[in-house]
Amino acid sequence: MATINDTYKSDFTFELSNPISYQDETGQKETKTLVLYAPSNKLSKQKAKLRQKVIASFLALGGNSNNQNKANENEKASLEPEQVLFALAANDKFVEIKQEFCDLLKNGCLSLEGNCNTITDYHLQQIDDEELEEVMGQYIVNFIIASWMKRLLAK
């Protein structure tokens, strides 16, 4: 369970089920380890676009209803990546959201084993689609809506 707390992580590690290959200065390598980074300030516009689409997905599902707020009154400060993915999958702009996420990864928010920082479509296409969506859910919980959720759940 991902918990919204007072301290924000700047990165997290995700282990893939199947390795992906990449090239470094010593040659061809394989890894299952992804290191994901919080978006930098230079990516704030891209982060804001993704956040807007994610929040719109929740609102479209009725995530802002009074009933849900009352039900969650005592259970504050947690949001599961699966909940995020469910809300996103129900959105007709899911493909755009996924592309926006992949663009963030290619713009400096992902490295392979903490070594390979130049991520391309070649690398992302090697990741199983369902697993990429799982990474997206965790990334969104940790970096895209963490501060927003903290403010919302504090009310």
C-alpha atoms as a PDB file:
ATOM      1  CA  MET A   1       0.000   0.000   0.000  1.00  0.00           C
ATOM      2  CA  ALA A   2       1.368   3.408  -0.952  1.00  0.00           C
ATOM      3  CA  THR A   3       1.013   5.866   1.879  1.00  0.00           C
ATOM      4  CA  ILE A   4       0.823   9.604   1.485  1.00  0.00           C
ATOM      5  CA  ASN A   5       3.090  11.048   4.159  1.00  0.00           C
ATOM      6  CA  ASP A   6       5.004  14.170   5.047  1.00  0.00           C
ATOM      7  CA  THR A   7       8.246  13.101   3.386  1.00  0.00           C
ATOM      8  CA  TYR A   8       8.435  12.732  -0.342  1.00  0.00           C
ATOM      9  CA  LYS A   9      10.744  10.283  -1.979  1.00  0.00           C
ATOM     10  CA  SER A  10      12.918  11.469  -4.822  1.00  0.00           C
ATOM     11  CA  ASP A  11      13.113   8.005  -6.395  1.00  0.00           C
ATOM     12  CA  PHE A  12      11.973   4.415  -6.100  1.00  0.00           C
ATOM     13  CA  THR A  13      13.044   1.095  -7.597  1.00  0.00           C
ATOM     14  CA  PHE A  14      10.835  -1.300  -9.532  1.00  0.00           C
ATOM     15  CA  GLU A  15      11.857  -4.867 -10.388  1.00  0.00           C
ATOM     16  CA  LEU A  16      10.526  -6.151 -13.716  1.00  0.00           C
ATOM     17  CA  SER A  17       9.476  -9.756 -14.240  1.00  0.00           C
ATOM     18  CA  ASN A  18      11.480 -10.025 -17.458  1.00  0.00           C
ATOM     19  CA  PRO A  19      14.788  -8.318 -18.219  1.00  0.00           C
ATOM     20  CA  ILE A  20      15.173  -5.606 -20.808  1.00  0.00           C
ATOM     21  CA  SER A  21      18.364  -4.995 -22.729  1.00  0.00           C
ATOM     22  CA  TYR A  22      20.375  -1.809 -23.015  1.00  0.00           C
ATOM     23  CA  GLN A  23      23.760  -0.677 -24.224  1.00  0.00           C
ATOM     24  CA  ASP A  24      26.413   0.940 -22.052  1.00  0.00           C
ATOM     25  CA  GLU A  25      30.099   1.729 -22.524  1.00  0.00           C
ATOM     26  CA  THR A  26      31.039  -1.916 -21.924  1.00  0.00           C
ATOM     27  CA  GLY A  27      28.515  -3.409 -24.343  1.00  0.00           C
ATOM     28  CA  GLN A  28      25.095  -5.046 -24.291  1.00  0.00           C
ATOM     29  CA  LYS A  29      23.537  -5.644 -20.856  1.00  0.00           C
ATOM     30  CA  GLU A  30      20.240  -6.788 -19.404  1.00  0.00           C
ATOM     31  CA  THR A  31      18.431  -5.619 -16.311  1.00  0.00           C
ATOM     32  CA  LYS A  32      15.200  -6.057 -14.429  1.00  0.00           C
ATOM     33  CA  THR A  33      15.820  -2.980 -12.263  1.00  0.00           C
ATOM     34  CA  LEU A  34      14.165   0.325 -13.063  1.00  0.00           C
ATOM     35  CA  VAL A  35      14.974   3.411 -11.001  1.00  0.00           C
ATOM     36  CA  LEU A  36      12.235   6.033 -11.299  1.00  0.00           C
ATOM     37  CA  TYR A  37      12.803   9.665 -10.345  1.00  0.00           C
ATOM     38  CA  ALA A  38      10.489  12.480  -9.352  1.00  0.00           C
ATOM     39  CA  PRO A  39      10.045  14.949 -12.203  1.00  0.00           C
ATOM     40  CA  SER A  40      12.449  17.857 -12.079  1.00  0.00           C
ATOM     41  CA  ASN A  41      11.337  21.487 -12.133  1.00  0.00           C
ATOM     42  CA  LYS A  42      12.087  21.668 -15.847  1.00  0.00           C
ATOM     43  CA  LEU A  43       9.387  19.030 -16.351  1.00  0.00           C
ATOM     44  CA  SER A  44       6.787  20.901 -14.280  1.00  0.00           C
ATOM     45  CA  LYS A  45       4.554  21.654 -17.285  1.00  0.00           C
ATOM     46  CA  GLN A  46       4.563  18.012 -18.367  1.00  0.00           C
ATOM     47  CA  LYS A  47       3.927  16.890 -14.763  1.00  0.00           C
ATOM     48  CA  ALA A  48       1.024  19.341 -14.505  1.00  0.00           C
ATOM     49  CA  LYS A  49      -0.564  17.998 -17.705  1.00  0.00           C
ATOM     50  CA  LEU A  50      -0.352  14.433 -16.413  1.00  0.00           C
ATOM     51  CA  ARG A  51      -1.697  15.453 -12.977  1.00  0.00           C
ATOM     52  CA  GLN A  52      -4.623  17.267 -14.601  1.00  0.00           C
ATOM     53  CA  LYS A  53      -5.570  14.168 -16.602  1.00  0.00           C
ATOM     54  CA  VAL A  54      -5.255  11.912 -13.554  1.00  0.00           C
ATOM     55  CA  ILE A  55      -7.418  14.158 -11.379  1.00  0.00           C
ATOM     56  CA  ALA A  56      -9.988  14.466 -14.166  1.00  0.00           C
ATOM     57  CA  SER A  57     -10.138  10.666 -14.271  1.00  0.00           C
ATOM     58  CA  PHE A  58     -10.938  10.517 -10.562  1.00  0.00           C
ATOM     59  CA  LEU A  59     -13.550  13.238 -10.837  1.00  0.00           C
ATOM     60  CA  ALA A  60     -15.177  11.445 -13.771  1.00  0.00           C
ATOM     61  CA  LEU A  61     -15.571   8.357 -11.568  1.00  0.00           C
ATOM     62  CA  GLY A  62     -17.233  10.426  -8.864  1.00  0.00           C
ATOM     63  CA  GLY A  63     -14.140  10.455  -6.663  1.00  0.00           C
ATOM     64  CA  ASN A  64     -15.140  13.854  -5.320  1.00  0.00           C
ATOM     65  CA  SER A  65     -18.539  12.766  -3.983  1.00  0.00           C
ATOM     66  CA  ASN A  66     -19.589  13.533  -0.433  1.00  0.00           C
ATOM     67  CA  ASN A  67     -20.384   9.859   0.212  1.00  0.00           C
ATOM     68  CA  GLN A  68     -16.837   8.819  -0.583  1.00  0.00           C
ATOM     69  CA  ASN A  69     -15.416  11.633   1.536  1.00  0.00           C
ATOM     70  CA  LYS A  70     -17.543  10.487   4.512  1.00  0.00           C
ATOM     71  CA  ALA A  71     -16.561   6.845   3.990  1.00  0.00           C
ATOM     72  CA  ASN A  72     -12.882   7.790   3.953  1.00  0.00           C
ATOM     73  CA  GLU A  73     -13.091  10.160   6.926  1.00  0.00           C
ATOM     74  CA  ASN A  74     -11.219   7.801   9.242  1.00  0.00           C
ATOM     75  CA  GLU A  75      -9.130   6.143   6.550  1.00  0.00           C
ATOM     76  CA  LYS A  76      -7.019   9.026   5.337  1.00  0.00           C
ATOM     77  CA  ALA A  77      -3.597   9.080   3.778  1.00  0.00           C
ATOM     78  CA  SER A  78      -3.560   6.034   1.539  1.00  0.00           C
ATOM     79  CA  LEU A  79      -4.067   5.461  -2.153  1.00  0.00           C
ATOM     80  CA  GLU A  80      -3.293   2.266  -4.002  1.00  0.00           C
ATOM     81  CA  PRO A  81      -1.694   2.264  -7.474  1.00  0.00           C
ATOM     82  CA  GLU A  82      -4.476  -0.116  -8.536  1.00  0.00           C
ATOM     83  CA  GLN A  83      -7.080   2.529  -7.641  1.00  0.00           C
ATOM     84  CA  VAL A  84      -5.238   5.010  -9.827  1.00  0.00           C
ATOM     85  CA  LEU A  85      -5.070   2.572 -12.729  1.00  0.00           C
ATOM     86  CA  PHE A  86      -8.757   1.764 -12.416  1.00  0.00           C
ATOM     87  CA  ALA A  87      -9.686   5.442 -12.602  1.00  0.00           C
ATOM     88  CA  LEU A  88      -7.332   5.985 -15.536  1.00  0.00           C
ATOM     89  CA  ALA A  89      -8.498   2.928 -17.467  1.00  0.00           C
ATOM     90  CA  ALA A  90     -12.072   4.189 -17.254  1.00  0.00           C
ATOM     91  CA  ASN A  91     -11.014   7.460 -18.875  1.00  0.00           C
ATOM     92  CA  ASP A  92     -11.345   7.779 -22.643  1.00  0.00           C
ATOM     93  CA  LYS A  93      -7.966   9.536 -22.655  1.00  0.00           C
ATOM     94  CA  PHE A  94      -6.083   6.576 -21.129  1.00  0.00           C
ATOM     95  CA  VAL A  95      -3.821   6.208 -24.180  1.00  0.00           C
ATOM     96  CA  GLU A  96      -2.863   9.893 -23.971  1.00  0.00           C
ATOM     97  CA  ILE A  97      -2.184   9.584 -20.238  1.00  0.00           C
ATOM     98  CA  LYS A  98       0.043   6.580 -20.820  1.00  0.00           C
ATOM     99  CA  GLN A  99       1.947   8.417 -23.552  1.00  0.00           C
ATOM    100  CA  GLU A 100       2.411  11.446 -21.284  1.00  0.00           C
ATOM    101  CA  PHE A 101       3.825   9.112 -18.633  1.00  0.00           C
ATOM    102  CA  CYS A 102       6.218   7.495 -21.121  1.00  0.00           C
ATOM    103  CA  ASP A 103       7.369  10.938 -22.257  1.00  0.00           C
ATOM    104  CA  LEU A 104       8.218  11.824 -18.659  1.00  0.00           C
ATOM    105  CA  LEU A 105      10.270   8.645 -18.379  1.00  0.00           C
ATOM    106  CA  LYS A 106      12.179   9.477 -21.565  1.00  0.00           C
ATOM    107  CA  ASN A 107      12.803  13.038 -20.351  1.00  0.00           C
ATOM    108  CA  GLY A 108      14.889  12.016 -17.352  1.00  0.00           C
ATOM    109  CA  CYS A 109      12.560  10.286 -14.891  1.00  0.00           C
ATOM    110  CA  LEU A 110      13.860   6.752 -15.472  1.00  0.00           C
ATOM    111  CA  SER A 111      17.173   4.950 -15.511  1.00  0.00           C
ATOM    112  CA  LEU A 112      18.031   1.291 -15.929  1.00  0.00           C
ATOM    113  CA  GLU A 113      19.892   0.027 -12.858  1.00  0.00           C
ATOM    114  CA  GLY A 114      20.760   3.655 -12.094  1.00  0.00           C
ATOM    115  CA  ASN A 115      23.310   3.466 -14.957  1.00  0.00           C
ATOM    116  CA  CYS A 116      21.549   3.918 -18.287  1.00  0.00           C
ATOM    117  CA  ASN A 117      19.862   7.322 -18.195  1.00  0.00           C
ATOM    118  CA  THR A 118      19.072   7.763 -21.886  1.00  0.00           C
ATOM    119  CA  ILE A 119      15.715   6.042 -22.202  1.00  0.00           C
ATOM    120  CA  THR A 120      14.077   5.617 -25.598  1.00  0.00           C
ATOM    121  CA  ASP A 121      11.000   3.915 -27.009  1.00  0.00           C
ATOM    122  CA  TYR A 122      13.251   0.885 -27.615  1.00  0.00           C
ATOM    123  CA  HIS A 123      13.661   0.423 -23.865  1.00  0.00           C
ATOM    124  CA  LEU A 124      10.023   1.087 -22.988  1.00  0.00           C
ATOM    125  CA  GLN A 125       8.706  -1.272 -25.673  1.00  0.00           C
ATOM    126  CA  GLN A 126      10.593  -4.137 -24.036  1.00  0.00           C
ATOM    127  CA  ILE A 127       8.531  -3.764 -20.853  1.00  0.00           C
ATOM    128  CA  ASP A 128       5.377  -5.855 -20.703  1.00  0.00           C
ATOM    129  CA  ASP A 129       2.370  -3.555 -21.150  1.00  0.00           C
ATOM    130  CA  GLU A 130       0.647  -4.609 -17.925  1.00  0.00           C
ATOM    131  CA  GLU A 131       3.860  -4.159 -16.004  1.00  0.00           C
ATOM    132  CA  LEU A 132       4.383  -0.709 -17.522  1.00  0.00           C
ATOM    133  CA  GLU A 133       0.902   0.208 -16.323  1.00  0.00           C
ATOM    134  CA  GLU A 134       1.793  -1.046 -12.837  1.00  0.00           C
ATOM    135  CA  VAL A 135       4.897   1.169 -12.887  1.00  0.00           C
ATOM    136  CA  MET A 136       2.708   4.069 -14.039  1.00  0.00           C
ATOM    137  CA  GLY A 137       0.298   3.556 -11.124  1.00  0.00           C
ATOM    138  CA  GLN A 138       3.119   3.554  -8.596  1.00  0.00           C
ATOM    139  CA  TYR A 139       4.770   6.552 -10.237  1.00  0.00           C
ATOM    140  CA  ILE A 140       1.559   8.573 -10.192  1.00  0.00           C
ATOM    141  CA  VAL A 141       0.929   7.764  -6.524  1.00  0.00           C
ATOM    142  CA  ASN A 142       4.501   8.614  -5.526  1.00  0.00           C
ATOM    143  CA  PHE A 143       5.230  11.674  -7.642  1.00  0.00           C
ATOM    144  CA  ILE A 144       2.286  13.072  -9.598  1.00  0.00           C
ATOM    145  CA  ILE A 145      -0.514  13.300  -7.051  1.00  0.00           C
ATOM    146  CA  ALA A 146       1.278  12.815  -3.730  1.00  0.00           C
ATOM    147  CA  SER A 147       1.173  16.469  -2.659  1.00  0.00           C
ATOM    148  CA  TRP A 148      -2.349  16.935  -4.025  1.00  0.00           C
ATOM    149  CA  MET A 149      -3.599  13.829  -2.190  1.00  0.00           C
ATOM    150  CA  LYS A 150      -1.939  14.941   1.029  1.00  0.00           C
ATOM    151  CA  ARG A 151      -3.794  18.255   0.904  1.00  0.00           C
ATOM    152  CA  LEU A 152      -7.093  16.631  -0.075  1.00  0.00           C
ATOM    153  CA  LEU A 153      -6.968  13.884   2.539  1.00  0.00           C
ATOM    154  CA  ALA A 154      -5.994  16.340   5.278  1.00  0.00           C
ATOM    155  CA  LYS A 155      -9.396  18.060   4.998  1.00  0.00           C
END
